[in-house]
PDB file of N, CA and C in Angstrom:
ATOM      1  N   MET A   1      20.747  20.216  -2.430  1.00  0.00           N
ATOM      2  CA  MET A   1      19.882  20.240  -3.423  1.00  0.00           C
ATOM      3  C   MET A   1      19.436  19.050  -3.956  1.00  0.00           C
ATOM      4  N   ASN A   2      20.684  18.160  -3.617  1.00  0.00           N
ATOM      5  CA  ASN A   2      20.319  16.795  -4.597  1.00  0.00           C
ATOM      6  C   ASN A   2      19.584  15.720  -3.626  1.00  0.00           C
ATOM      7  N   ASN A   3      19.418  16.175  -1.995  1.00  0.00           N
ATOM      8  CA  ASN A   3      18.406  15.348  -1.317  1.00  0.00           C
ATOM      9  C   ASN A   3      16.882  15.718  -1.631  1.00  0.00           C
ATOM     10  N   LEU A   4      16.779  16.841  -2.065  1.00  0.00           N
ATOM     11  CA  LEU A   4      15.316  17.032  -2.775  1.00  0.00           C
ATOM     12  C   LEU A   4      15.104  16.427  -3.792  1.00  0.00           C
ATOM     13  N   ASP A   5      15.940  16.111  -4.937  1.00  0.00           N
ATOM     14  CA  ASP A   5      15.926  15.595  -6.104  1.00  0.00           C
ATOM     15  C   ASP A   5      15.277  13.922  -5.982  1.00  0.00           C
ATOM     16  N   TRP A   6      15.858  13.176  -5.172  1.00  0.00           N
ATOM     17  CA  TRP A   6      15.708  11.640  -5.045  1.00  0.00           C
ATOM     18  C   TRP A   6      14.798  11.561  -3.972  1.00  0.00           C
ATOM     19  N   ARG A   7      14.362  12.593  -3.256  1.00  0.00           N
ATOM     20  CA  ARG A   7      13.164  12.595  -2.463  1.00  0.00           C
ATOM     21  C   ARG A   7      11.792  12.947  -3.158  1.00  0.00           C
ATOM     22  N   ASN A   8      11.958  13.706  -4.023  1.00  0.00           N
ATOM     23  CA  ASN A   8      10.706  13.972  -4.908  1.00  0.00           C
ATOM     24  C   ASN A   8      10.637  12.772  -5.908  1.00  0.00           C
ATOM     25  N   LYS A   9      11.536  12.430  -6.262  1.00  0.00           N
ATOM     26  CA  LYS A   9      11.538  10.943  -7.227  1.00  0.00           C
ATOM     27  C   LYS A   9      10.628   9.727  -6.695  1.00  0.00           C
ATOM     28  N   VAL A  10      11.093   9.597  -5.087  1.00  0.00           N
ATOM     29  CA  VAL A  10      10.575   8.704  -4.589  1.00  0.00           C
ATOM     30  C   VAL A  10       9.185   8.819  -4.259  1.00  0.00           C
ATOM     31  N   LEU A  11       8.849  10.172  -3.650  1.00  0.00           N
ATOM     32  CA  LEU A  11       7.301  10.509  -3.248  1.00  0.00           C
ATOM     33  C   LEU A  11       6.559  10.246  -4.947  1.00  0.00           C
ATOM     34  N   LEU A  12       7.104  10.722  -6.079  1.00  0.00           N
ATOM     35  CA  LEU A  12       6.264  10.565  -7.352  1.00  0.00           C
ATOM     36  C   LEU A  12       6.066   9.123  -7.639  1.00  0.00           C
ATOM     37  N   ALA A  13       7.220   8.167  -7.594  1.00  0.00           N
ATOM     38  CA  ALA A  13       7.182   6.685  -7.927  1.00  0.00           C
ATOM     39  C   ALA A  13       6.277   5.986  -6.791  1.00  0.00           C
ATOM     40  N   GLY A  14       6.312   6.432  -5.761  1.00  0.00           N
ATOM     41  CA  GLY A  14       5.449   6.092  -4.628  1.00  0.00           C
ATOM     42  C   GLY A  14       4.040   6.475  -4.620  1.00  0.00           C
ATOM     43  N   GLY A  15       3.753   7.469  -5.283  1.00  0.00           N
ATOM     44  CA  GLY A  15       2.348   7.683  -5.235  1.00  0.00           C
ATOM     45  C   GLY A  15       1.710   7.061  -6.493  1.00  0.00           C
ATOM     46  N   ALA A  16       2.702   6.807  -7.614  1.00  0.00           N
ATOM     47  CA  ALA A  16       2.057   6.401  -8.859  1.00  0.00           C
ATOM     48  C   ALA A  16       1.878   4.781  -8.467  1.00  0.00           C
ATOM     49  N   VAL A  17       2.917   4.320  -7.750  1.00  0.00           N
ATOM     50  CA  VAL A  17       2.807   2.702  -7.449  1.00  0.00           C
ATOM     51  C   VAL A  17       1.647   2.681  -6.670  1.00  0.00           C
ATOM     52  N   GLY A  18       1.213   3.506  -5.498  1.00  0.00           N
ATOM     53  CA  GLY A  18       0.157   3.441  -4.596  1.00  0.00           C
ATOM     54  C   GLY A  18      -1.047   3.521  -5.379  1.00  0.00           C
ATOM     55  N   ALA A  19      -1.170   4.285  -6.555  1.00  0.00           N
ATOM     56  CA  ALA A  19      -2.740   4.658  -7.289  1.00  0.00           C
ATOM     57  C   ALA A  19      -2.934   3.388  -8.214  1.00  0.00           C
ATOM     58  N   LEU A  20      -1.521   3.118  -8.575  1.00  0.00           N
ATOM     59  CA  LEU A  20      -1.973   1.507  -9.423  1.00  0.00           C
ATOM     60  C   LEU A  20      -2.258   0.270  -8.648  1.00  0.00           C
ATOM     61  N   LEU A  21      -1.657   0.144  -7.736  1.00  0.00           N
ATOM     62  CA  LEU A  21      -2.127  -0.748  -7.020  1.00  0.00           C
ATOM     63  C   LEU A  21      -3.576  -0.431  -6.429  1.00  0.00           C
ATOM     64  N   GLY A  22      -3.980   0.812  -5.994  1.00  0.00           N
ATOM     65  CA  GLY A  22      -5.259   0.811  -5.654  1.00  0.00           C
ATOM     66  C   GLY A  22      -6.433   0.801  -6.683  1.00  0.00           C
ATOM     67  N   VAL A  23      -6.013   0.926  -7.909  1.00  0.00           N
ATOM     68  CA  VAL A  23      -6.825   0.580  -9.186  1.00  0.00           C
ATOM     69  C   VAL A  23      -6.979  -1.022  -9.206  1.00  0.00           C
ATOM     70  N   VAL A  24      -5.685  -1.711  -9.143  1.00  0.00           N
ATOM     71  CA  VAL A  24      -5.892  -2.937  -9.210  1.00  0.00           C
ATOM     72  C   VAL A  24      -6.565  -3.582  -8.206  1.00  0.00           C
ATOM     73  N   ALA A  25      -6.501  -3.177  -7.030  1.00  0.00           N
ATOM     74  CA  ALA A  25      -7.379  -3.769  -5.871  1.00  0.00           C
ATOM     75  C   ALA A  25      -8.827  -3.486  -6.085  1.00  0.00           C
ATOM     76  N   ALA A  26      -9.111  -2.311  -6.424  1.00  0.00           N
ATOM     77  CA  ALA A  26     -10.552  -2.002  -6.654  1.00  0.00           C
ATOM     78  C   ALA A  26     -11.134  -2.961  -7.962  1.00  0.00           C
ATOM     79  N   TYR A  27     -10.268  -3.061  -8.709  1.00  0.00           N
ATOM     80  CA  TYR A  27     -10.783  -3.867 -10.037  1.00  0.00           C
ATOM     81  C   TYR A  27     -10.953  -5.479  -9.352  1.00  0.00           C
ATOM     82  N   LEU A  28      -9.777  -5.823  -8.875  1.00  0.00           N
ATOM     83  CA  LEU A  28     -10.274  -7.392  -8.115  1.00  0.00           C
ATOM     84  C   LEU A  28     -11.332  -7.427  -7.385  1.00  0.00           C
ATOM     85  N   TYR A  29     -11.608  -6.455  -6.542  1.00  0.00           N
ATOM     86  CA  TYR A  29     -12.749  -6.357  -5.573  1.00  0.00           C
ATOM     87  C   TYR A  29     -14.302  -6.452  -6.335  1.00  0.00           C
ATOM     88  N   VAL A  30     -14.235  -5.517  -7.397  1.00  0.00           N
ATOM     89  CA  VAL A  30     -15.472  -5.539  -8.195  1.00  0.00           C
ATOM     90  C   VAL A  30     -15.580  -6.815  -8.942  1.00  0.00           C
ATOM     91  N   ASN A  31     -14.583  -7.147  -9.457  1.00  0.00           N
ATOM     92  CA  ASN A  31     -14.762  -8.827 -10.269  1.00  0.00           C
ATOM     93  C   ASN A  31     -15.074  -9.959  -9.465  1.00  0.00           C
ATOM     94  N   ALA A  32     -14.766  -9.757  -8.273  1.00  0.00           N
ATOM     95  CA  ALA A  32     -15.067 -10.835  -7.076  1.00  0.00           C
ATOM     96  C   ALA A  32     -16.492 -10.824  -6.662  1.00  0.00           C
ATOM     97  N   VAL A  33     -17.506  -9.829  -7.117  1.00  0.00           N
ATOM     98  CA  VAL A  33     -18.666  -9.507  -6.561  1.00  0.00           C
ATOM     99  C   VAL A  33     -19.504 -10.557  -7.413  1.00  0.00           C
ATOM    100  N   GLU A  34     -20.438 -11.243  -6.686  1.00  0.00           N
ATOM    101  CA  GLU A  34     -21.258 -12.156  -7.327  1.00  0.00           C
ATOM    102  C   GLU A  34     -22.341 -11.781  -8.339  1.00  0.00           C
ATOM    103  N   SER A  35     -23.157 -10.568  -7.559  1.00  0.00           N
ATOM    104  CA  SER A  35     -24.352  -9.621  -8.405  1.00  0.00           C
ATOM    105  C   SER A  35     -23.877  -8.731  -8.847  1.00  0.00           C
ATOM    106  N   PRO A  36     -23.708  -8.563 -10.198  1.00  0.00           N
ATOM    107  CA  PRO A  36     -23.468  -7.207 -10.534  1.00  0.00           C
ATOM    108  C   PRO A  36     -24.604  -6.145 -10.360  1.00  0.00           C
ATOM    109  N   GLU A  37     -25.798  -6.291  -9.761  1.00  0.00           N
ATOM    110  CA  GLU A  37     -26.952  -5.464  -9.558  1.00  0.00           C
ATOM    111  C   GLU A  37     -26.512  -4.671  -7.863  1.00  0.00           C
ATOM    112  N   ASP A  38     -26.393  -5.765  -7.259  1.00  0.00           N
ATOM    113  CA  ASP A  38     -26.100  -5.213  -5.753  1.00  0.00           C
ATOM    114  C   ASP A  38     -24.872  -4.795  -5.337  1.00  0.00           C
ATOM    115  N   PRO A  39     -24.648  -3.614  -4.717  1.00  0.00           N
ATOM    116  CA  PRO A  39     -23.455  -3.150  -4.146  1.00  0.00           C
ATOM    117  C   PRO A  39     -23.048  -4.421  -3.257  1.00  0.00           C
ATOM    118  N   PRO A  40     -21.544  -4.328  -3.225  1.00  0.00           N
ATOM    119  CA  PRO A  40     -21.053  -5.303  -2.113  1.00  0.00           C
ATOM    120  C   PRO A  40     -21.104  -4.730  -0.794  1.00  0.00           C
ATOM    121  N   GLU A  41     -21.152  -5.565   0.220  1.00  0.00           N
ATOM    122  CA  GLU A  41     -21.185  -5.149   1.651  1.00  0.00           C
ATOM    123  C   GLU A  41     -19.963  -5.903   2.195  1.00  0.00           C
ATOM    124  N   LEU A  42     -19.225  -4.653   2.951  1.00  0.00           N
ATOM    125  CA  LEU A  42     -18.322  -4.895   3.632  1.00  0.00           C
ATOM    126  C   LEU A  42     -18.477  -4.961   5.208  1.00  0.00           C
ATOM    127  N   SER A  43     -18.057  -5.931   5.897  1.00  0.00           N
ATOM    128  CA  SER A  43     -18.537  -5.869   7.141  1.00  0.00           C
ATOM    129  C   SER A  43     -17.424  -5.337   7.897  1.00  0.00           C
ATOM    130  N   PRO A  44     -17.666  -4.631   9.349  1.00  0.00           N
ATOM    131  CA  PRO A  44     -16.692  -4.052   9.827  1.00  0.00           C
ATOM    132  C   PRO A  44     -15.535  -4.955  10.273  1.00  0.00           C
ATOM    133  N   ALA A  45     -15.850  -6.312  10.455  1.00  0.00           N
ATOM    134  CA  ALA A  45     -14.548  -6.869  10.521  1.00  0.00           C
ATOM    135  C   ALA A  45     -13.583  -7.170   9.666  1.00  0.00           C
ATOM    136  N   GLU A  46     -14.105  -7.217   8.621  1.00  0.00           N
ATOM    137  CA  GLU A  46     -13.373  -7.074   7.115  1.00  0.00           C
ATOM    138  C   GLU A  46     -12.398  -6.149   6.802  1.00  0.00           C
ATOM    139  N   ALA A  47     -13.449  -4.934   7.146  1.00  0.00           N
ATOM    140  CA  ALA A  47     -12.722  -3.589   7.092  1.00  0.00           C
ATOM    141  C   ALA A  47     -11.488  -3.371   8.124  1.00  0.00           C
ATOM    142  N   VAL A  48     -11.710  -3.853   9.084  1.00  0.00           N
ATOM    143  CA  VAL A  48     -10.721  -3.784  10.116  1.00  0.00           C
ATOM    144  C   VAL A  48      -9.435  -4.591  10.046  1.00  0.00           C
ATOM    145  N   ALA A  49      -9.895  -5.825   9.369  1.00  0.00           N
ATOM    146  CA  ALA A  49      -8.631  -6.738   8.853  1.00  0.00           C
ATOM    147  C   ALA A  49      -7.769  -6.076   7.686  1.00  0.00           C
ATOM    148  N   VAL A  50      -8.563  -5.617   6.892  1.00  0.00           N
ATOM    149  CA  VAL A  50      -7.751  -4.915   5.474  1.00  0.00           C
ATOM    150  C   VAL A  50      -6.888  -3.839   6.041  1.00  0.00           C
ATOM    151  N   GLY A  51      -7.610  -2.922   7.041  1.00  0.00           N
ATOM    152  CA  GLY A  51      -6.857  -1.803   7.552  1.00  0.00           C
ATOM    153  C   GLY A  51      -5.468  -2.125   8.337  1.00  0.00           C
ATOM    154  N   LEU A  52      -5.605  -3.430   9.153  1.00  0.00           N
ATOM    155  CA  LEU A  52      -4.408  -3.798   9.644  1.00  0.00           C
ATOM    156  C   LEU A  52      -3.534  -4.368   8.921  1.00  0.00           C
ATOM    157  N   ALA A  53      -3.894  -5.180   7.901  1.00  0.00           N
ATOM    158  CA  ALA A  53      -3.192  -5.530   6.780  1.00  0.00           C
ATOM    159  C   ALA A  53      -2.471  -4.240   6.080  1.00  0.00           C
ATOM    160  N   VAL A  54      -2.907  -3.395   5.810  1.00  0.00           N
ATOM    161  CA  VAL A  54      -2.285  -2.091   5.390  1.00  0.00           C
ATOM    162  C   VAL A  54      -1.169  -1.723   5.919  1.00  0.00           C
ATOM    163  N   LEU A  55      -1.554  -1.557   7.522  1.00  0.00           N
ATOM    164  CA  LEU A  55      -0.801  -0.715   8.264  1.00  0.00           C
ATOM    165  C   LEU A  55       0.540  -1.589   8.514  1.00  0.00           C
ATOM    166  N   GLY A  56       0.216  -2.949   8.315  1.00  0.00           N
ATOM    167  CA  GLY A  56       1.463  -3.901   8.372  1.00  0.00           C
ATOM    168  C   GLY A  56       2.383  -3.681   7.391  1.00  0.00           C
ATOM    169  N   VAL A  57       1.945  -3.458   5.819  1.00  0.00           N
ATOM    170  CA  VAL A  57       2.508  -3.202   5.078  1.00  0.00           C
ATOM    171  C   VAL A  57       3.595  -1.892   5.130  1.00  0.00           C
ATOM    172  N   LEU A  58       2.772  -0.777   5.505  1.00  0.00           N
ATOM    173  CA  LEU A  58       3.377   0.378   5.714  1.00  0.00           C
ATOM    174  C   LEU A  58       4.441   0.345   6.835  1.00  0.00           C
ATOM    175  N   ARG A  59       4.311  -0.414   7.786  1.00  0.00           N
ATOM    176  CA  ARG A  59       5.368  -0.660   8.932  1.00  0.00           C
ATOM    177  C   ARG A  59       6.621  -1.277   8.022  1.00  0.00           C
ATOM    178  N   GLN A  60       6.375  -2.270   7.499  1.00  0.00           N
ATOM    179  CA  GLN A  60       7.700  -2.941   6.973  1.00  0.00           C
ATOM    180  C   GLN A  60       8.115  -1.868   5.863  1.00  0.00           C
ATOM    181  N   ILE A  61       7.396  -1.253   5.087  1.00  0.00           N
ATOM    182  CA  ILE A  61       7.957  -0.462   3.994  1.00  0.00           C
ATOM    183  C   ILE A  61       8.834   0.808   4.874  1.00  0.00           C
ATOM    184  N   ALA A  62       8.325   1.119   6.301  1.00  0.00           N
ATOM    185  CA  ALA A  62       8.884   2.321   6.886  1.00  0.00           C
ATOM    186  C   ALA A  62      10.256   1.542   7.535  1.00  0.00           C
ATOM    187  N   SER A  63      10.257   0.682   7.764  1.00  0.00           N
ATOM    188  CA  SER A  63      11.404  -0.152   8.424  1.00  0.00           C
ATOM    189  C   SER A  63      12.605  -0.501   7.374  1.00  0.00           C
ATOM    190  N   LEU A  64      12.437  -0.536   6.263  1.00  0.00           N
ATOM    191  CA  LEU A  64      13.624  -0.853   5.244  1.00  0.00           C
ATOM    192  C   LEU A  64      14.808  -0.256   5.315  1.00  0.00           C
ATOM    193  N   PRO A  65      14.901   1.120   5.716  1.00  0.00           N
ATOM    194  CA  PRO A  65      15.950   1.922   6.003  1.00  0.00           C
ATOM    195  C   PRO A  65      16.904   1.267   7.218  1.00  0.00           C
ATOM    196  N   GLU A  66      16.071   0.738   8.281  1.00  0.00           N
ATOM    197  CA  GLU A  66      16.677   0.432   9.329  1.00  0.00           C
ATOM    198  C   GLU A  66      17.531  -0.723   9.100  1.00  0.00           C
ATOM    199  N   GLY A  67      16.969  -1.875   7.972  1.00  0.00           N
ATOM    200  CA  GLY A  67      17.528  -3.051   8.080  1.00  0.00           C
ATOM    201  C   GLY A  67      18.894  -2.933   7.334  1.00  0.00           C
ATOM    202  N   LYS A  68      19.012  -1.755   6.446  1.00  0.00           N
ATOM    203  CA  LYS A  68      20.412  -1.452   5.876  1.00  0.00           C
ATOM    204  C   LYS A  68      21.219  -0.693   6.943  1.00  0.00           C
ATOM    205  N   LYS A  69      21.059  -0.158   7.817  1.00  0.00           N
ATOM    206  CA  LYS A  69      21.724   0.365   8.940  1.00  0.00           C
ATOM    207  C   LYS A  69      22.258  -0.646   9.696  1.00  0.00           C
ATOM    208  N   LYS A  70      21.459  -1.818  10.102  1.00  0.00           N
ATOM    209  CA  LYS A  70      21.878  -2.683  10.786  1.00  0.00           C
ATOM    210  C   LYS A  70      22.877  -3.530   9.787  1.00  0.00           C
ATOM    211  N   ARG A  71      22.708  -3.755   8.671  1.00  0.00           N
ATOM    212  CA  ARG A  71      23.892  -4.469   7.577  1.00  0.00           C
ATOM    213  C   ARG A  71      25.223  -3.566   7.872  1.00  0.00           C
ATOM    214  N   LYS A  72      25.153  -2.391   7.758  1.00  0.00           N
ATOM    215  CA  LYS A  72      26.335  -1.832   7.900  1.00  0.00           C
ATOM    216  C   LYS A  72      27.021  -1.745   9.261  1.00  0.00           C
ATOM    217  N   VAL A  73      26.647  -1.972  10.089  1.00  0.00           N
ATOM    218  CA  VAL A  73      27.133  -1.961  11.639  1.00  0.00           C
ATOM    219  C   VAL A  73      28.104  -3.237  11.399  1.00  0.00           C
ATOM    220  N   ARG A  74      27.884  -4.368  11.175  1.00  0.00           N
ATOM    221  CA  ARG A  74      28.263  -5.534  10.912  1.00  0.00           C
ATOM    222  C   ARG A  74      29.699  -5.698  10.635  1.00  0.00           C
TER     223      ARG A  74
END
């Protein structure tokens, strides 16, 4: 039962941090738009670049426990 408690806490914290970062990213993107009348255009190349960057961050987060395992072996 103890494992479920810390997992739920991690999921809630991750969801809150992700939501907060998403709002901040959207705010920064909206403020970077030069013209307030026209909606911003995102090219497919820019969308792919952002998607790959997000995947890279997710891979780094997923590999965090592996780094701790390697340190314990030494």
